[in-house]
Amino acid sequence: MKLYADTRKPLAIHALSAFTGIGIYEYDSTEERMLVAALFEDKRSKLTWCKLYTNKAGNSYFIKYRRRYYLHEMLRTEGF
């Protein structure tokens, strides 16, 4: 996986460990999708669009690396 310098601040983060996580950078309400990247300390992976889904309980989530990430588990950052 190629890593890029993280010049943009994410809107929300889901921490996977002390130094890694999944970051949300942008939200497109017209197509119900989010711009997401994996975070590694001060670097990130390529930004990709992920579609938003909703389960029966009404919780929204997106799928990245074959895993569900629920929005209610994300932590908002200062830029939100």
C-alpha atoms as a PDB file:
ATOM      1  CA  MET A   1       0.000   0.000   0.000  1.00  0.00           C
ATOM      2  CA  LYS A   2       1.433   3.345  -1.035  1.00  0.00           C
ATOM      3  CA  LEU A   3       1.324   6.008   1.669  1.00  0.00           C
ATOM      4  CA  TYR A   4       0.845   9.729   1.153  1.00  0.00           C
ATOM      5  CA  ALA A   5       1.587  12.760   3.314  1.00  0.00           C
ATOM      6  CA  ASP A   6      -1.522  13.692   5.268  1.00  0.00           C
ATOM      7  CA  THR A   7      -2.026  17.376   4.441  1.00  0.00           C
ATOM      8  CA  ARG A   8      -5.808  17.391   5.000  1.00  0.00           C
ATOM      9  CA  LYS A   9      -7.372  16.974   8.426  1.00  0.00           C
ATOM     10  CA  PRO A  10     -10.047  14.259   8.702  1.00  0.00           C
ATOM     11  CA  LEU A  11     -13.571  15.146   9.851  1.00  0.00           C
ATOM     12  CA  ALA A  12     -13.849  11.991  11.982  1.00  0.00           C
ATOM     13  CA  ILE A  13     -11.581   9.106  13.003  1.00  0.00           C
ATOM     14  CA  HIS A  14     -12.145   5.482  14.018  1.00  0.00           C
ATOM     15  CA  ALA A  15      -9.072   4.379  15.998  1.00  0.00           C
ATOM     16  CA  LEU A  16      -7.848   0.850  15.261  1.00  0.00           C
ATOM     17  CA  SER A  17      -4.785   1.102  17.531  1.00  0.00           C
ATOM     18  CA  ALA A  18      -2.630   3.790  19.102  1.00  0.00           C
ATOM     19  CA  PHE A  19      -1.093   4.814  15.757  1.00  0.00           C
ATOM     20  CA  THR A  20      -3.555   3.623  13.069  1.00  0.00           C
ATOM     21  CA  GLY A  21      -7.165   4.261  12.180  1.00  0.00           C
ATOM     22  CA  ILE A  22      -9.737   5.052   9.503  1.00  0.00           C
ATOM     23  CA  GLY A  23     -10.407   8.707   8.689  1.00  0.00           C
ATOM     24  CA  ILE A  24     -13.393  10.374   6.999  1.00  0.00           C
ATOM     25  CA  TYR A  25     -12.380  13.358   4.886  1.00  0.00           C
ATOM     26  CA  GLU A  26     -15.526  14.355   3.015  1.00  0.00           C
ATOM     27  CA  TYR A  27     -19.256  13.565   2.866  1.00  0.00           C
ATOM     28  CA  ASP A  28     -21.364  13.642  -0.311  1.00  0.00           C
ATOM     29  CA  SER A  29     -25.034  13.817   0.714  1.00  0.00           C
ATOM     30  CA  THR A  30     -26.396  13.639  -2.839  1.00  0.00           C
ATOM     31  CA  GLU A  31     -24.940  10.178  -3.499  1.00  0.00           C
ATOM     32  CA  GLU A  32     -24.745   8.989   0.151  1.00  0.00           C
ATOM     33  CA  ARG A  33     -21.002   8.299   0.157  1.00  0.00           C
ATOM     34  CA  MET A  34     -17.893   9.282   2.125  1.00  0.00           C
ATOM     35  CA  LEU A  35     -14.270   9.953   1.197  1.00  0.00           C
ATOM     36  CA  VAL A  36     -12.245   7.613   3.432  1.00  0.00           C
ATOM     37  CA  ALA A  37      -8.572   6.654   3.982  1.00  0.00           C
ATOM     38  CA  ALA A  38      -6.540   4.454   6.322  1.00  0.00           C
ATOM     39  CA  LEU A  39      -4.316   6.470   8.672  1.00  0.00           C
ATOM     40  CA  PHE A  40      -0.792   5.497   9.775  1.00  0.00           C
ATOM     41  CA  GLU A  41       0.695   8.033  12.242  1.00  0.00           C
ATOM     42  CA  ASP A  42       1.274  11.102   9.999  1.00  0.00           C
ATOM     43  CA  LYS A  43       0.629   9.324   6.654  1.00  0.00           C
ATOM     44  CA  ARG A  44      -2.525   8.030   4.964  1.00  0.00           C
ATOM     45  CA  SER A  45      -3.523   5.618   2.201  1.00  0.00           C
ATOM     46  CA  LYS A  46      -5.174   6.675  -1.052  1.00  0.00           C
ATOM     47  CA  LEU A  47      -8.507   8.464  -0.600  1.00  0.00           C
ATOM     48  CA  THR A  48     -11.429   6.329  -1.801  1.00  0.00           C
ATOM     49  CA  TRP A  49     -15.197   6.816  -1.911  1.00  0.00           C
ATOM     50  CA  CYS A  50     -17.260   4.405   0.209  1.00  0.00           C
ATOM     51  CA  LYS A  51     -21.029   4.051  -0.051  1.00  0.00           C
ATOM     52  CA  LEU A  52     -23.126   4.511   3.094  1.00  0.00           C
ATOM     53  CA  TYR A  53     -25.456   1.703   4.167  1.00  0.00           C
ATOM     54  CA  THR A  54     -28.053   1.454   6.946  1.00  0.00           C
ATOM     55  CA  ASN A  55     -28.857  -1.668   8.959  1.00  0.00           C
ATOM     56  CA  LYS A  56     -32.252  -2.658  10.430  1.00  0.00           C
ATOM     57  CA  ALA A  57     -31.512  -0.803  13.663  1.00  0.00           C
ATOM     58  CA  GLY A  58     -31.009   2.437  11.719  1.00  0.00           C
ATOM     59  CA  ASN A  59     -27.243   2.665  12.226  1.00  0.00           C
ATOM     60  CA  SER A  60     -25.273   3.991   9.241  1.00  0.00           C
ATOM     61  CA  TYR A  61     -21.995   2.350   8.225  1.00  0.00           C
ATOM     62  CA  PHE A  62     -19.530   2.061   5.353  1.00  0.00           C
ATOM     63  CA  ILE A  63     -17.341  -0.849   4.275  1.00  0.00           C
ATOM     64  CA  LYS A  64     -13.555  -0.464   3.969  1.00  0.00           C
ATOM     65  CA  TYR A  65     -11.156  -3.410   3.638  1.00  0.00           C
ATOM     66  CA  ARG A  66     -14.102  -5.867   3.900  1.00  0.00           C
ATOM     67  CA  ARG A  67     -15.042  -4.576   7.359  1.00  0.00           C
ATOM     68  CA  ARG A  68     -17.992  -2.473   8.558  1.00  0.00           C
ATOM     69  CA  TYR A  69     -17.258   0.844  10.253  1.00  0.00           C
ATOM     70  CA  TYR A  70     -20.283   2.373  12.010  1.00  0.00           C
ATOM     71  CA  LEU A  71     -20.575   6.157  12.072  1.00  0.00           C
ATOM     72  CA  HIS A  72     -21.708   6.246  15.713  1.00  0.00           C
ATOM     73  CA  GLU A  73     -18.311   4.713  16.674  1.00  0.00           C
ATOM     74  CA  MET A  74     -16.346   7.521  14.990  1.00  0.00           C
ATOM     75  CA  LEU A  75     -14.756  10.369  16.956  1.00  0.00           C
ATOM     76  CA  ARG A  76     -15.242  13.868  15.548  1.00  0.00           C
ATOM     77  CA  THR A  77     -12.172  16.037  15.119  1.00  0.00           C
ATOM     78  CA  GLU A  78     -11.895  19.815  15.444  1.00  0.00           C
ATOM     79  CA  GLY A  79     -12.601  20.474  11.756  1.00  0.00           C
ATOM     80  CA  PHE A  80     -16.122  19.024  11.942  1.00  0.00           C
END
